[in-house]
Structures are given as C-alpha cells and as structure tokens.
Amino acid sequence: MFPFDDDPRTACIVCSHVLNKVEPITYISHDEDGMWQFLCEKEHTMDDAKVVALEEVYALDPSIAEVADMPCGCYINRNK
C-alpha cells in the first residue's frame, strides 16, 4: 500500500545520484507548494535535478515512508 496521502504521480525533484542508486537519500523536503525533494549529500547542479513521480522514489527507497506525514514547509536530514 502506498503510504503517502499525495497522489503517487506527484512530481518530485530527485538528484541523479539517488536516481542512479549511487548515493542514498540524505535530505528530504516537503516544500510549501506540496512538491517533494529527495537528495543526497553531494553538491548539485541543475543538471543533477530530475523530475520523477513520488511512486518512483518510493520504489527506489521504501524507507521514505517514514516521512509520509511530513507537513509542507518541512525538511529533514538523514544519516546514510
């Protein structure tokens, strides 16, 4: 069962390092506009930013279910 209240097709920003499974998600934000960001701890350029569906990020890392109820405007930093 999908743990988020958001539509599974909600657009998210994910860095290429996370998307390519090179780095773990260490930064998660639920922006004021409802968009989610899932990034690693590396420095990022605009070329690193990818837009994917929330369900794709959940498939990559089901542990993000722990923050499914995070309100808009909040962020967390996680350990590897």
PDB file of N, CA and C in Angstrom:
ATOM      1  N   MET A   1       0.836  -1.182   0.000  1.00  0.00           N
ATOM      2  CA  MET A   1       0.000   0.000   0.000  1.00  0.00           C
ATOM      3  C   MET A   1       0.884   1.250   0.000  1.00  0.00           C
ATOM      4  N   PHE A   2       0.532   2.224  -0.810  1.00  0.00           N
ATOM      5  CA  PHE A   2       1.283   3.465  -0.929  1.00  0.00           C
ATOM      6  C   PHE A   2       1.057   4.301   0.327  1.00  0.00           C
ATOM      7  N   PRO A   3       2.126   4.678   1.044  1.00  0.00           N
ATOM      8  CA  PRO A   3       1.972   5.317   2.355  1.00  0.00           C
ATOM      9  C   PRO A   3       1.686   6.821   2.355  1.00  0.00           C
ATOM     10  N   PHE A   4       1.835   7.480   1.227  1.00  0.00           N
ATOM     11  CA  PHE A   4       1.654   8.926   1.166  1.00  0.00           C
ATOM     12  C   PHE A   4       0.205   9.287   0.860  1.00  0.00           C
ATOM     13  N   ASP A   5      -0.253  10.417   1.415  1.00  0.00           N
ATOM     14  CA  ASP A   5      -1.574  10.939   1.062  1.00  0.00           C
ATOM     15  C   ASP A   5      -1.549  11.567  -0.333  1.00  0.00           C
ATOM     16  N   ASP A   6      -0.356  11.977  -0.764  1.00  0.00           N
ATOM     17  CA  ASP A   6      -0.197  12.573  -2.094  1.00  0.00           C
ATOM     18  C   ASP A   6      -0.482  11.532  -3.175  1.00  0.00           C
ATOM     19  N   ASP A   7      -0.885  12.027  -4.321  1.00  0.00           N
ATOM     20  CA  ASP A   7      -1.067  11.166  -5.483  1.00  0.00           C
ATOM     21  C   ASP A   7       0.277  10.504  -5.805  1.00  0.00           C
ATOM     22  N   PRO A   8       0.298   9.218  -6.110  1.00  0.00           N
ATOM     23  CA  PRO A   8       1.558   8.548  -6.449  1.00  0.00           C
ATOM     24  C   PRO A   8       2.296   9.200  -7.615  1.00  0.00           C
ATOM     25  N   ARG A   9       1.569   9.931  -8.462  1.00  0.00           N
ATOM     26  CA  ARG A   9       2.189  10.589  -9.611  1.00  0.00           C
ATOM     27  C   ARG A   9       2.651  12.006  -9.302  1.00  0.00           C
ATOM     28  N   THR A  10       2.630  12.405  -8.031  1.00  0.00           N
ATOM     29  CA  THR A  10       3.096  13.728  -7.634  1.00  0.00           C
ATOM     30  C   THR A  10       4.542  13.915  -8.093  1.00  0.00           C
ATOM     31  N   ALA A  11       4.808  15.024  -8.743  1.00  0.00           N
ATOM     32  CA  ALA A  11       6.166  15.308  -9.228  1.00  0.00           C
ATOM     33  C   ALA A  11       7.098  15.573  -8.058  1.00  0.00           C
ATOM     34  N   CYS A  12       8.297  14.996  -8.142  1.00  0.00           N
ATOM     35  CA  CYS A  12       9.326  15.165  -7.115  1.00  0.00           C
ATOM     36  C   CYS A  12      10.638  15.506  -7.795  1.00  0.00           C
ATOM     37  N   ILE A  13      11.455  16.257  -7.076  1.00  0.00           N
ATOM     38  CA  ILE A  13      12.809  16.515  -7.545  1.00  0.00           C
ATOM     39  C   ILE A  13      13.724  15.510  -6.862  1.00  0.00           C
ATOM     40  N   VAL A  14      14.489  14.817  -7.670  1.00  0.00           N
ATOM     41  CA  VAL A  14      15.434  13.808  -7.177  1.00  0.00           C
ATOM     42  C   VAL A  14      16.764  14.073  -7.865  1.00  0.00           C
ATOM     43  N   CYS A  15      17.848  13.970  -7.114  1.00  0.00           N
ATOM     44  CA  CYS A  15      19.149  14.157  -7.767  1.00  0.00           C
ATOM     45  C   CYS A  15      19.512  12.877  -8.527  1.00  0.00           C
ATOM     46  N   SER A  16      20.332  13.051  -9.533  1.00  0.00           N
ATOM     47  CA  SER A  16      20.727  11.910 -10.367  1.00  0.00           C
ATOM     48  C   SER A  16      21.482  10.853  -9.565  1.00  0.00           C
ATOM     49  N   HIS A  17      22.181  11.268  -8.510  1.00  0.00           N
ATOM     50  CA  HIS A  17      22.933  10.314  -7.683  1.00  0.00           C
ATOM     51  C   HIS A  17      21.979   9.333  -6.988  1.00  0.00           C
ATOM     52  N   VAL A  18      20.858   9.839  -6.510  1.00  0.00           N
ATOM     53  CA  VAL A  18      19.841   8.991  -5.870  1.00  0.00           C
ATOM     54  C   VAL A  18      19.140   8.153  -6.929  1.00  0.00           C
ATOM     55  N   LEU A  19      18.755   8.786  -8.015  1.00  0.00           N
ATOM     56  CA  LEU A  19      18.026   8.091  -9.076  1.00  0.00           C
ATOM     57  C   LEU A  19      18.828   6.944  -9.664  1.00  0.00           C
ATOM     58  N   ASN A  20      20.137   7.126  -9.763  1.00  0.00           N
ATOM     59  CA  ASN A  20      21.009   6.079 -10.307  1.00  0.00           C
ATOM     60  C   ASN A  20      21.536   5.120  -9.238  1.00  0.00           C
ATOM     61  N   LYS A  21      21.022   5.273  -8.020  1.00  0.00           N
ATOM     62  CA  LYS A  21      21.386   4.408  -6.886  1.00  0.00           C
ATOM     63  C   LYS A  21      22.876   4.455  -6.549  1.00  0.00           C
ATOM     64  N   VAL A  22      23.492   5.630  -6.768  1.00  0.00           N
ATOM     65  CA  VAL A  22      24.902   5.827  -6.441  1.00  0.00           C
ATOM     66  C   VAL A  22      25.035   6.307  -4.998  1.00  0.00           C
ATOM     67  N   GLU A  23      24.062   7.116  -4.547  1.00  0.00           N
ATOM     68  CA  GLU A  23      24.070   7.683  -3.205  1.00  0.00           C
ATOM     69  C   GLU A  23      22.699   7.493  -2.557  1.00  0.00           C
ATOM     70  N   PRO A  24      22.676   7.407  -1.223  1.00  0.00           N
ATOM     71  CA  PRO A  24      21.389   7.300  -0.522  1.00  0.00           C
ATOM     72  C   PRO A  24      20.726   8.672  -0.356  1.00  0.00           C
ATOM     73  N   ILE A  25      19.457   8.665  -0.095  1.00  0.00           N
ATOM     74  CA  ILE A  25      18.719   9.901   0.191  1.00  0.00           C
ATOM     75  C   ILE A  25      19.099  10.360   1.594  1.00  0.00           C
ATOM     76  N   THR A  26      19.662  11.555   1.678  1.00  0.00           N
ATOM     77  CA  THR A  26      20.026  12.097   2.988  1.00  0.00           C
ATOM     78  C   THR A  26      19.291  13.405   3.296  1.00  0.00           C
ATOM     79  N   TYR A  27      18.634  13.991   2.309  1.00  0.00           N
ATOM     80  CA  TYR A  27      17.876  15.223   2.510  1.00  0.00           C
ATOM     81  C   TYR A  27      16.503  15.039   1.883  1.00  0.00           C
ATOM     82  N   ILE A  28      15.476  15.312   2.675  1.00  0.00           N
ATOM     83  CA  ILE A  28      14.100  15.226   2.187  1.00  0.00           C
ATOM     84  C   ILE A  28      13.390  16.510   2.567  1.00  0.00           C
ATOM     85  N   SER A  29      12.730  17.125   1.607  1.00  0.00           N
ATOM     86  CA  SER A  29      11.905  18.286   1.922  1.00  0.00           C
ATOM     87  C   SER A  29      10.528  18.119   1.298  1.00  0.00           C
ATOM     88  N   HIS A  30       9.551  18.643   2.012  1.00  0.00           N
ATOM     89  CA  HIS A  30       8.184  18.713   1.502  1.00  0.00           C
ATOM     90  C   HIS A  30       7.890  20.201   1.399  1.00  0.00           C
ATOM     91  N   ASP A  31       8.065  20.737   0.225  1.00  0.00           N
ATOM     92  CA  ASP A  31       8.023  22.176   0.005  1.00  0.00           C
ATOM     93  C   ASP A  31       6.627  22.756   0.228  1.00  0.00           C
ATOM     94  N   GLU A  32       6.591  24.065   0.419  1.00  0.00           N
ATOM     95  CA  GLU A  32       5.325  24.775   0.652  1.00  0.00           C
ATOM     96  C   GLU A  32       4.299  24.522  -0.456  1.00  0.00           C
ATOM     97  N   ASP A  33       4.783  24.316  -1.676  1.00  0.00           N
ATOM     98  CA  ASP A  33       3.876  24.091  -2.812  1.00  0.00           C
ATOM     99  C   ASP A  33       3.443  22.630  -2.934  1.00  0.00           C
ATOM    100  N   GLY A  34       3.889  21.768  -1.990  1.00  0.00           N
ATOM    101  CA  GLY A  34       3.491  20.364  -1.997  1.00  0.00           C
ATOM    102  C   GLY A  34       4.465  19.446  -2.705  1.00  0.00           C
ATOM    103  N   MET A  35       5.446  20.013  -3.401  1.00  0.00           N
ATOM    104  CA  MET A  35       6.431  19.186  -4.094  1.00  0.00           C
ATOM    105  C   MET A  35       7.416  18.597  -3.090  1.00  0.00           C
ATOM    106  N   TRP A  36       7.881  17.409  -3.367  1.00  0.00           N
ATOM    107  CA  TRP A  36       8.888  16.741  -2.540  1.00  0.00           C
ATOM    108  C   TRP A  36      10.243  16.825  -3.221  1.00  0.00           C
ATOM    109  N   GLN A  37      11.317  16.846  -2.403  1.00  0.00           N
ATOM    110  CA  GLN A  37      12.681  16.761  -2.907  1.00  0.00           C
ATOM    111  C   GLN A  37      13.397  15.656  -2.150  1.00  0.00           C
ATOM    112  N   PHE A  38      14.127  14.833  -2.889  1.00  0.00           N
ATOM    113  CA  PHE A  38      14.901  13.733  -2.312  1.00  0.00           C
ATOM    114  C   PHE A  38      16.311  13.819  -2.886  1.00  0.00           C
ATOM    115  N   LEU A  39      17.254  14.223  -2.031  1.00  0.00           N
ATOM    116  CA  LEU A  39      18.613  14.495  -2.489  1.00  0.00           C
ATOM    117  C   LEU A  39      19.634  13.752  -1.631  1.00  0.00           C
ATOM    118  N   CYS A  40      20.829  13.639  -2.162  1.00  0.00           N
ATOM    119  CA  CYS A  40      21.942  13.072  -1.398  1.00  0.00           C
ATOM    120  C   CYS A  40      22.760  14.221  -0.816  1.00  0.00           C
ATOM    121  N   GLU A  41      23.857  13.887  -0.155  1.00  0.00           N
ATOM    122  CA  GLU A  41      24.663  14.922   0.492  1.00  0.00           C
ATOM    123  C   GLU A  41      25.688  15.584  -0.432  1.00  0.00           C
ATOM    124  N   LYS A  42      25.772  15.151  -1.674  1.00  0.00           N
ATOM    125  CA  LYS A  42      26.730  15.755  -2.608  1.00  0.00           C
ATOM    126  C   LYS A  42      26.276  17.146  -3.044  1.00  0.00           C
ATOM    127  N   GLU A  43      27.224  17.902  -3.606  1.00  0.00           N
ATOM    128  CA  GLU A  43      26.890  19.182  -4.224  1.00  0.00           C
ATOM    129  C   GLU A  43      26.104  18.889  -5.504  1.00  0.00           C
ATOM    130  N   HIS A  44      25.146  19.759  -5.834  1.00  0.00           N
ATOM    131  CA  HIS A  44      24.300  19.527  -7.001  1.00  0.00           C
ATOM    132  C   HIS A  44      24.302  20.722  -7.941  1.00  0.00           C
ATOM    133  N   THR A  45      24.163  20.405  -9.220  1.00  0.00           N
ATOM    134  CA  THR A  45      23.949  21.413 -10.245  1.00  0.00           C
ATOM    135  C   THR A  45      22.546  21.203 -10.802  1.00  0.00           C
ATOM    136  N   MET A  46      22.101  22.108 -11.625  1.00  0.00           N
ATOM    137  CA  MET A  46      20.779  21.962 -12.244  1.00  0.00           C
ATOM    138  C   MET A  46      20.721  20.689 -13.092  1.00  0.00           C
ATOM    139  N   ASP A  47      21.843  20.286 -13.664  1.00  0.00           N
ATOM    140  CA  ASP A  47      21.869  19.062 -14.476  1.00  0.00           C
ATOM    141  C   ASP A  47      21.621  17.811 -13.639  1.00  0.00           C
ATOM    142  N   ASP A  48      21.898  17.884 -12.338  1.00  0.00           N
ATOM    143  CA  ASP A  48      21.676  16.742 -11.447  1.00  0.00           C
ATOM    144  C   ASP A  48      20.206  16.556 -11.095  1.00  0.00           C
ATOM    145  N   ALA A  49      19.403  17.597 -11.255  1.00  0.00           N
ATOM    146  CA  ALA A  49      17.996  17.551 -10.862  1.00  0.00           C
ATOM    147  C   ALA A  49      17.156  16.807 -11.898  1.00  0.00           C
ATOM    148  N   LYS A  50      16.398  15.853 -11.410  1.00  0.00           N
ATOM    149  CA  LYS A  50      15.489  15.086 -12.263  1.00  0.00           C
ATOM    150  C   LYS A  50      14.096  15.169 -11.656  1.00  0.00           C
ATOM    151  N   VAL A  51      13.082  15.160 -12.482  1.00  0.00           N
ATOM    152  CA  VAL A  51      11.705  15.167 -12.004  1.00  0.00           C
ATOM    153  C   VAL A  51      11.106  13.794 -12.278  1.00  0.00           C
ATOM    154  N   VAL A  52      10.663  13.153 -11.203  1.00  0.00           N
ATOM    155  CA  VAL A  52      10.054  11.825 -11.308  1.00  0.00           C
ATOM    156  C   VAL A  52       8.822  11.787 -10.421  1.00  0.00           C
ATOM    157  N   ALA A  53       8.032  10.751 -10.562  1.00  0.00           N
ATOM    158  CA  ALA A  53       6.839  10.571  -9.740  1.00  0.00           C
ATOM    159  C   ALA A  53       7.223  10.083  -8.344  1.00  0.00           C
ATOM    160  N   LEU A  54       6.445  10.485  -7.359  1.00  0.00           N
ATOM    161  CA  LEU A  54       6.674  10.076  -5.975  1.00  0.00           C
ATOM    162  C   LEU A  54       6.719   8.558  -5.846  1.00  0.00           C
ATOM    163  N   GLU A  55       5.886   7.868  -6.589  1.00  0.00           N
ATOM    164  CA  GLU A  55       5.882   6.406  -6.516  1.00  0.00           C
ATOM    165  C   GLU A  55       7.206   5.806  -7.000  1.00  0.00           C
ATOM    166  N   GLU A  56       7.902   6.480  -7.898  1.00  0.00           N
ATOM    167  CA  GLU A  56       9.203   6.001  -8.361  1.00  0.00           C
ATOM    168  C   GLU A  56      10.257   6.127  -7.260  1.00  0.00           C
ATOM    169  N   VAL A  57      10.193   7.227  -6.521  1.00  0.00           N
ATOM    170  CA  VAL A  57      11.137   7.416  -5.421  1.00  0.00           C
ATOM    171  C   VAL A  57      10.861   6.377  -4.335  1.00  0.00           C
ATOM    172  N   TYR A  58       9.598   6.147  -4.046  1.00  0.00           N
ATOM    173  CA  TYR A  58       9.215   5.148  -3.046  1.00  0.00           C
ATOM    174  C   TYR A  58       9.697   3.752  -3.462  1.00  0.00           C
ATOM    175  N   ALA A  59       9.625   3.441  -4.740  1.00  0.00           N
ATOM    176  CA  ALA A  59      10.112   2.147  -5.231  1.00  0.00           C
ATOM    177  C   ALA A  59      11.632   2.040  -5.076  1.00  0.00           C
ATOM    178  N   LEU A  60      12.343   3.159  -5.254  1.00  0.00           N
ATOM    179  CA  LEU A  60      13.796   3.172  -5.089  1.00  0.00           C
ATOM    180  C   LEU A  60      14.202   3.000  -3.628  1.00  0.00           C
ATOM    181  N   ASP A  61      13.446   3.644  -2.729  1.00  0.00           N
ATOM    182  CA  ASP A  61      13.795   3.640  -1.310  1.00  0.00           C
ATOM    183  C   ASP A  61      12.526   3.667  -0.464  1.00  0.00           C
ATOM    184  N   PRO A  62      11.993   2.494  -0.142  1.00  0.00           N
ATOM    185  CA  PRO A  62      10.757   2.430   0.646  1.00  0.00           C
ATOM    186  C   PRO A  62      10.871   3.045   2.042  1.00  0.00           C
ATOM    187  N   SER A  63      12.094   3.290   2.515  1.00  0.00           N
ATOM    188  CA  SER A  63      12.242   3.885   3.847  1.00  0.00           C
ATOM    189  C   SER A  63      11.708   5.315   3.906  1.00  0.00           C
ATOM    190  N   ILE A  64      11.459   5.940   2.752  1.00  0.00           N
ATOM    191  CA  ILE A  64      10.905   7.296   2.776  1.00  0.00           C
ATOM    192  C   ILE A  64       9.480   7.302   3.322  1.00  0.00           C
ATOM    193  N   ALA A  65       8.879   6.145   3.458  1.00  0.00           N
ATOM    194  CA  ALA A  65       7.538   6.057   4.058  1.00  0.00           C
ATOM    195  C   ALA A  65       7.538   6.637   5.467  1.00  0.00           C
ATOM    196  N   GLU A  66       8.698   6.654   6.114  1.00  0.00           N
ATOM    197  CA  GLU A  66       8.811   7.196   7.468  1.00  0.00           C
ATOM    198  C   GLU A  66       8.453   8.677   7.531  1.00  0.00           C
ATOM    199  N   VAL A  67       8.546   9.377   6.409  1.00  0.00           N
ATOM    200  CA  VAL A  67       8.249  10.814   6.391  1.00  0.00           C
ATOM    201  C   VAL A  67       6.975  11.129   5.604  1.00  0.00           C
ATOM    202  N   ALA A  68       6.178  10.135   5.331  1.00  0.00           N
ATOM    203  CA  ALA A  68       4.979  10.319   4.511  1.00  0.00           C
ATOM    204  C   ALA A  68       4.028  11.373   5.079  1.00  0.00           C
ATOM    205  N   ASP A  69       4.061  11.563   6.385  1.00  0.00           N
ATOM    206  CA  ASP A  69       3.155  12.530   7.002  1.00  0.00           C
ATOM    207  C   ASP A  69       3.832  13.880   7.293  1.00  0.00           C
ATOM    208  N   MET A  70       5.016  14.115   6.729  1.00  0.00           N
ATOM    209  CA  MET A  70       5.716  15.373   6.954  1.00  0.00           C
ATOM    210  C   MET A  70       4.914  16.519   6.325  1.00  0.00           C
ATOM    211  N   PRO A  71       4.626  17.557   7.112  1.00  0.00           N
ATOM    212  CA  PRO A  71       3.845  18.678   6.581  1.00  0.00           C
ATOM    213  C   PRO A  71       4.630  19.492   5.542  1.00  0.00           C
ATOM    214  N   CYS A  72       3.903  20.198   4.707  1.00  0.00           N
ATOM    215  CA  CYS A  72       4.531  21.100   3.747  1.00  0.00           C
ATOM    216  C   CYS A  72       5.324  22.153   4.512  1.00  0.00           C
ATOM    217  N   GLY A  73       6.457  22.526   3.946  1.00  0.00           N
ATOM    218  CA  GLY A  73       7.310  23.534   4.555  1.00  0.00           C
ATOM    219  C   GLY A  73       8.358  22.959   5.491  1.00  0.00           C
ATOM    220  N   CYS A  74       8.441  21.643   5.563  1.00  0.00           N
ATOM    221  CA  CYS A  74       9.405  20.995   6.464  1.00  0.00           C
ATOM    222  C   CYS A  74      10.455  20.226   5.671  1.00  0.00           C
ATOM    223  N   TYR A  75      11.579  19.962   6.325  1.00  0.00           N
ATOM    224  CA  TYR A  75      12.636  19.155   5.725  1.00  0.00           C
ATOM    225  C   TYR A  75      13.353  18.396   6.820  1.00  0.00           C
ATOM    226  N   ILE A  76      14.060  17.350   6.431  1.00  0.00           N
ATOM    227  CA  ILE A  76      14.904  16.606   7.371  1.00  0.00           C
ATOM    228  C   ILE A  76      16.209  16.228   6.681  1.00  0.00           C
ATOM    229  N   ASN A  77      17.217  16.033   7.480  1.00  0.00           N
ATOM    230  CA  ASN A  77      18.476  15.456   7.033  1.00  0.00           C
ATOM    231  C   ASN A  77      18.583  14.100   7.702  1.00  0.00           C
ATOM    232  N   ARG A  78      18.925  13.082   6.944  1.00  0.00           N
ATOM    233  CA  ARG A  78      19.060  11.739   7.495  1.00  0.00           C
ATOM    234  C   ARG A  78      20.497  11.265   7.372  1.00  0.00           C
ATOM    235  N   ASN A  79      20.849  10.321   8.229  1.00  0.00           N
ATOM    236  CA  ASN A  79      22.134   9.651   8.107  1.00  0.00           C
ATOM    237  C   ASN A  79      22.042   8.638   6.986  1.00  0.00           C
ATOM    238  N   LYS A  80      23.189   8.237   6.462  1.00  0.00           N
ATOM    239  CA  LYS A  80      23.205   7.216   5.413  1.00  0.00           C
ATOM    240  C   LYS A  80      22.583   6.007   5.937  1.00  0.00           C
TER     241      LYS A  80
END
